């Protein structure tokens, strides 16, 4: 009954969201006044549980039908399925049976679960997440969705160098996905929580240890994307890999453009020029 209740609310919210998206081109639909917005927020607060997490099914998108345990007020985008729709569509076109994917900065496992669901038993996902709470959520979601055979959880950061004794990691206090490594001049722009120590590995080191070379790498590490790539110089220079990367500064955009083009990558931008964070898909010719 609880699942049916939240599914009904989700359908209503998606209908409202669709109506709002049409508003700029439909002159018959007026933008909501502040009063109407306040009323809408009050209604949502009544209908949707504010504290704690609840199991719900993702309603749309690449992860549709998967169970996630979410704080519905603050993690609505995962529940309704519109989290980073550009990345979802890119993955939909890239993933084929047998794909090996690295999800670096996997957070609660939304994309890891979605990729595992899409690929079926012939795919393999490695989810890298150093934040302990987020890593527990990935494991919990994989178990609930019977995806543990397809997803390998790596409770460590991917960085420019391996450090088994630990490097500093600044957590997000309210939103855990804002956390990131704070070392070597990098500071996650929205990391506002405690600083903990996490182990780090490199892309090159993983392959040297016997991990399969990935076909697809998704990187979302809150400002540390350049350091992730530095740790994969050999892999990214020799293997035929497709990279989906979120970039958090103009300096990183310039560096990554040059670094990838030197290695024969063609770049496709998923976000308008100048928008941060930027999303790029890079493929080796």
Protein backbone atom coordinates (compact mmCIF):
# COMPACT_ATOMS: atom_id res chain seq x y z
CA UNK A 1 0.00 0.00 0.00
CA UNK A 2 2.83 2.40 0.80
CA UNK A 3 4.42 1.78 -2.59
CA UNK A 4 1.10 2.41 -4.37
CA UNK A 5 0.59 5.60 -2.36
CA UNK A 6 3.97 7.05 -3.35
CA UNK A 7 3.60 5.91 -6.96
CA UNK A 8 0.33 7.85 -7.19
CA UNK A 9 1.96 10.96 -5.71
CA UNK A 10 4.91 10.59 -8.09
CA UNK A 11 2.63 10.41 -11.13
CA UNK A 12 0.87 13.58 -10.00
CA UNK A 13 4.19 15.37 -9.45
CA UNK A 14 5.48 14.31 -12.86
CA UNK A 15 2.30 15.59 -14.48
CA UNK A 16 2.79 18.97 -12.78
CA UNK A 17 6.47 19.01 -13.79
CA UNK A 18 5.53 18.29 -17.42
CA UNK A 19 2.98 21.10 -17.36
CA UNK A 20 5.55 23.57 -16.01
CA UNK A 21 8.06 22.63 -18.72
CA UNK A 22 5.46 23.55 -21.33
CA UNK A 23 4.58 26.82 -19.62
CA UNK A 24 7.08 29.07 -21.51
CA UNK A 25 5.58 28.04 -24.87
CA UNK A 26 1.94 27.90 -23.78
CA UNK A 27 0.52 31.37 -23.26
CA UNK A 28 -2.61 29.96 -21.67
CA UNK A 29 -0.61 28.66 -18.69
CA UNK A 30 0.43 31.35 -16.23
CA UNK A 31 3.50 31.06 -14.06
CA UNK A 32 2.67 30.33 -10.46
CA UNK A 33 2.59 33.22 -8.00
CA UNK A 34 4.66 33.06 -4.78
CA UNK A 35 1.47 32.27 -2.90
CA UNK A 36 0.67 29.31 -5.16
CA UNK A 37 4.25 28.05 -4.84
CA UNK A 38 3.99 28.25 -1.05
CA UNK A 39 0.70 26.35 -1.11
CA UNK A 40 2.23 23.70 -3.37
CA UNK A 41 5.19 23.29 -1.01
CA UNK A 42 2.84 22.98 1.97
CA UNK A 43 0.83 20.28 0.21
CA UNK A 44 4.00 18.33 -0.63
CA UNK A 45 5.11 18.56 2.99
CA UNK A 46 1.83 17.02 4.08
CA UNK A 47 1.77 14.27 1.45
CA UNK A 48 5.45 13.35 1.42
CA UNK A 49 7.37 12.08 4.41
CA UNK A 50 9.86 14.73 5.53
CA UNK A 51 12.14 12.79 7.87
CA UNK A 52 13.90 9.51 7.30
CA UNK A 53 14.05 7.42 4.16
CA UNK A 54 11.37 5.35 2.49
CA UNK A 55 11.57 2.65 -0.17
CA UNK A 56 10.13 3.85 -3.49
CA UNK A 57 10.32 2.81 -7.12
CA UNK A 58 12.01 5.09 -9.62
CA UNK A 59 9.25 6.36 -11.89
CA UNK A 60 10.93 7.29 -15.18
CA UNK A 61 14.23 7.18 -17.02
CA UNK A 62 17.06 4.69 -17.17
CA UNK A 63 16.46 3.47 -13.61
CA UNK A 64 12.68 3.10 -13.96
CA UNK A 65 11.31 0.31 -11.79
CA UNK A 66 14.31 0.07 -9.46
CA UNK A 67 13.85 0.34 -5.70
CA UNK A 68 15.71 3.09 -3.85
CA UNK A 69 15.46 4.12 -0.20
CA UNK A 70 15.32 7.91 -0.32
CA UNK A 71 14.61 11.09 1.56
CA UNK A 72 11.80 12.13 -0.73
CA UNK A 73 11.94 15.84 0.03
CA UNK A 74 15.64 16.25 -0.81
CA UNK A 75 16.18 13.30 -3.19
CA UNK A 76 13.12 13.76 -5.35
CA UNK A 77 15.13 13.80 -8.60
CA UNK A 78 16.16 10.17 -8.08
CA UNK A 79 12.64 9.06 -7.17
CA UNK A 80 10.98 10.75 -10.15
CA UNK A 81 13.83 9.70 -12.45
CA UNK A 82 15.04 13.04 -13.79
CA UNK A 83 18.49 13.06 -12.15
CA UNK A 84 21.04 14.14 -14.81
CA UNK A 85 18.87 13.17 -17.77
CA UNK A 86 21.69 14.06 -20.20
CA UNK A 87 23.90 11.41 -18.64
CA UNK A 88 21.04 8.91 -18.66
CA UNK A 89 20.49 9.39 -22.39
CA UNK A 90 24.21 9.16 -23.14
CA UNK A 91 24.47 5.88 -21.23
CA UNK A 92 21.40 4.51 -22.97
CA UNK A 93 23.17 4.85 -26.33
CA UNK A 94 26.58 3.66 -25.12
CA UNK A 95 25.79 0.53 -23.15
CA UNK A 96 25.69 -2.77 -25.02
CA UNK A 97 25.68 -6.36 -23.70
CA UNK A 98 29.06 -7.20 -22.22
CA UNK A 99 29.96 -3.62 -21.32
CA UNK A 100 32.29 -3.09 -18.37
CA UNK A 101 31.60 0.27 -16.70
CA UNK A 102 33.37 2.18 -13.93
CA UNK A 103 31.08 4.48 -11.96
CA UNK A 104 33.53 6.81 -10.19
CA UNK A 105 31.74 8.85 -7.57
CA UNK A 106 28.74 6.54 -7.46
CA UNK A 107 27.01 8.27 -4.50
CA UNK A 108 23.88 6.24 -3.66
CA UNK A 109 24.24 4.04 -6.74
CA UNK A 110 21.60 5.54 -9.03
CA UNK A 111 23.68 5.16 -12.20
CA UNK A 112 25.32 1.91 -11.12
CA UNK A 113 21.89 0.34 -10.60
CA UNK A 114 20.54 1.79 -13.83
CA UNK A 115 23.50 0.49 -15.85
CA UNK A 116 23.31 -2.95 -14.25
CA UNK A 117 19.59 -3.13 -14.99
CA UNK A 118 20.07 -2.11 -18.61
CA UNK A 119 23.01 -4.44 -19.26
CA UNK A 120 21.57 -7.53 -17.62
CA UNK A 121 23.74 -10.47 -16.65
CA UNK A 122 26.24 -9.83 -19.47
CA UNK A 123 27.47 -6.52 -18.07
CA UNK A 124 29.69 -5.64 -15.11
CA UNK A 125 29.67 -2.45 -13.06
CA UNK A 126 32.36 -1.28 -10.64
CA UNK A 127 30.96 1.38 -8.30
CA UNK A 128 33.61 3.54 -6.59
CA UNK A 129 32.37 5.44 -3.55
CA UNK A 130 34.61 6.43 -0.61
CA UNK A 131 31.93 8.05 1.57
CA UNK A 132 30.98 5.31 4.07
CA UNK A 133 27.30 6.22 4.31
CA UNK A 134 26.88 6.42 0.54
CA UNK A 135 28.71 3.11 0.08
CA UNK A 136 26.30 1.45 2.51
CA UNK A 137 23.39 2.80 0.48
CA UNK A 138 24.82 1.34 -2.73
CA UNK A 139 25.08 -2.07 -1.08
CA UNK A 140 21.56 -1.76 0.30
CA UNK A 141 20.11 -0.80 -3.10
CA UNK A 142 22.00 -3.56 -4.92
CA UNK A 143 20.65 -6.14 -2.47
CA UNK A 144 17.05 -4.91 -2.74
CA UNK A 145 17.18 -5.00 -6.55
CA UNK A 146 19.02 -8.36 -6.77
CA UNK A 147 21.92 -6.69 -8.57
CA UNK A 148 24.82 -7.69 -6.34
CA UNK A 149 26.22 -10.19 -8.88
CA UNK A 150 26.54 -7.41 -11.45
CA UNK A 151 27.85 -4.59 -9.23
CA UNK A 152 31.19 -4.63 -7.45
CA UNK A 153 31.34 -1.99 -4.73
CA UNK A 154 34.74 -0.34 -4.22
CA UNK A 155 34.84 1.68 -0.98
CA UNK A 156 37.71 3.90 -2.08
CA UNK A 157 38.48 7.06 -4.02
CA UNK A 158 39.94 7.02 -7.51
CA UNK A 159 42.76 9.55 -7.62
CA UNK A 160 46.09 10.48 -9.24
CA UNK A 161 47.97 8.07 -6.96
CA UNK A 162 47.28 5.10 -4.73
CA UNK A 163 47.38 5.68 -0.99
CA UNK A 164 46.41 2.68 1.16
CA UNK A 165 47.02 4.70 4.35
CA UNK A 166 44.40 7.26 3.37
CA UNK A 167 43.95 10.74 1.92
CA UNK A 168 41.64 13.52 3.20
CA UNK A 169 38.01 13.41 2.06
CA UNK A 170 35.60 16.27 2.82
CA UNK A 171 32.07 14.96 3.25
CA UNK A 172 28.88 16.73 2.33
CA UNK A 173 26.88 17.44 5.48
CA UNK A 174 23.35 17.69 4.07
CA UNK A 175 23.94 16.16 0.64
CA UNK A 176 26.50 13.37 0.67
CA UNK A 177 27.03 13.67 -3.09
CA UNK A 178 28.76 17.02 -2.44
CA UNK A 179 31.71 15.31 -0.79
CA UNK A 180 35.09 14.81 -2.42
CA UNK A 181 38.83 14.37 -1.92
CA UNK A 182 40.50 17.49 -0.51
CA UNK A 183 44.15 16.98 -1.41
CA UNK A 184 46.77 18.25 -3.87
CA UNK A 185 45.09 21.64 -4.15
CA UNK A 186 41.63 20.21 -4.75
CA UNK A 187 38.66 21.14 -2.57
CA UNK A 188 35.12 19.94 -3.34
CA UNK A 189 33.19 23.18 -4.01
CA UNK A 190 30.16 22.16 -1.93
CA UNK A 191 31.81 19.88 0.61
CA UNK A 192 30.73 21.30 3.97
CA UNK A 193 30.95 18.35 6.35
CA UNK A 194 33.57 16.56 8.38
CA UNK A 195 36.94 15.54 6.95
CA UNK A 196 37.67 11.82 7.01
CA UNK A 197 40.46 9.64 5.66
CA UNK A 198 39.80 7.30 2.71
CA UNK A 199 42.02 4.98 0.72
CA UNK A 200 42.74 5.84 -2.91
CA UNK A 201 43.49 3.85 -6.04
CA UNK A 202 44.33 4.73 -9.64
CA UNK A 203 42.75 3.60 -12.88
CA UNK A 204 46.09 2.32 -14.13
CA UNK A 205 46.73 0.51 -10.87
CA UNK A 206 43.36 -1.24 -11.00
CA UNK A 207 44.00 -2.63 -14.47
CA UNK A 208 47.52 -3.68 -13.47
CA UNK A 209 45.97 -5.64 -10.59
CA UNK A 210 43.79 -7.58 -13.00
CA UNK A 211 40.58 -5.58 -13.13
CA UNK A 212 38.99 -5.64 -16.59
CA UNK A 213 39.66 -2.53 -18.66
CA UNK A 214 36.42 -0.53 -18.71
CA UNK A 215 34.53 0.29 -21.88
CA UNK A 216 32.74 3.21 -20.21
CA UNK A 217 33.92 5.43 -17.36
CA UNK A 218 31.56 7.86 -15.63
CA UNK A 219 33.29 10.44 -13.43
CA UNK A 220 31.50 12.69 -10.95
CA UNK A 221 33.89 13.52 -8.12
CA UNK A 222 33.08 17.10 -7.16
CA UNK A 223 36.13 18.87 -8.54
CA UNK A 224 38.70 16.05 -8.52
CA UNK A 225 38.12 14.95 -12.13
CA UNK A 226 41.58 16.04 -13.35
CA UNK A 227 43.26 13.93 -10.65
CA UNK A 228 41.18 10.90 -11.64
CA UNK A 229 42.36 11.20 -15.24
CA UNK A 230 46.00 11.69 -14.21
CA UNK A 231 45.87 8.32 -12.50
CA UNK A 232 44.73 6.69 -15.76
CA UNK A 233 47.33 8.01 -18.20
CA UNK A 234 48.25 4.61 -19.61
CA UNK A 235 44.73 3.20 -19.70
CA UNK A 236 43.18 6.28 -21.28
CA UNK A 237 46.02 6.54 -23.81
CA UNK A 238 45.81 2.96 -25.06
CA UNK A 239 42.34 1.48 -24.51
CA UNK A 240 39.24 2.34 -26.51
CA UNK A 241 37.18 3.97 -23.78
CA UNK A 242 34.19 6.29 -23.66
CA UNK A 243 34.38 8.81 -20.84
CA UNK A 244 31.44 10.70 -19.35
CA UNK A 245 32.80 13.39 -17.06
CA UNK A 246 31.29 16.15 -14.93
CA UNK A 247 33.67 19.13 -14.68
CA UNK A 248 33.40 21.72 -11.92
CA UNK A 249 35.64 24.65 -12.91
CA UNK A 250 36.67 26.55 -16.03
CA UNK A 251 40.32 25.71 -15.31
CA UNK A 252 39.48 22.00 -15.25
CA UNK A 253 37.50 22.35 -18.49
CA UNK A 254 40.54 23.83 -20.27
CA UNK A 255 42.93 21.23 -18.84
CA UNK A 256 40.69 18.27 -19.68
CA UNK A 257 40.07 19.47 -23.25
CA UNK A 258 43.80 19.61 -23.92
CA UNK A 259 44.62 16.41 -22.06
CA UNK A 260 41.99 14.34 -23.86
CA UNK A 261 42.67 15.77 -27.32
CA UNK A 262 46.36 14.92 -26.94
CA UNK A 263 45.21 11.31 -26.57
CA UNK A 264 42.96 11.28 -29.61
CA UNK A 265 39.59 11.86 -27.98
CA UNK A 266 36.69 13.59 -29.70
CA UNK A 267 34.56 15.62 -27.29
CA UNK A 268 30.79 16.12 -27.22
CA UNK A 269 29.40 18.59 -24.71
CA UNK A 270 26.08 17.78 -23.04
CA UNK A 271 25.76 21.19 -21.40
CA UNK A 272 25.78 24.68 -22.98
CA UNK A 273 29.10 26.49 -23.24
CA UNK A 274 30.08 28.22 -20.00
CA UNK A 275 27.66 26.33 -17.77
CA UNK A 276 29.17 24.74 -14.65
CA UNK A 277 29.30 21.96 -13.82
CA UNK A 278 29.90 20.94 -17.43
CA UNK A 279 29.19 17.50 -18.83
CA UNK A 280 31.30 16.00 -21.60
CA UNK A 281 31.32 12.69 -23.46
CA UNK A 282 34.77 11.84 -24.84
CA UNK A 283 35.46 8.97 -27.25
CA UNK A 284 38.72 7.73 -28.70
CA UNK A 285 38.69 7.59 -32.47
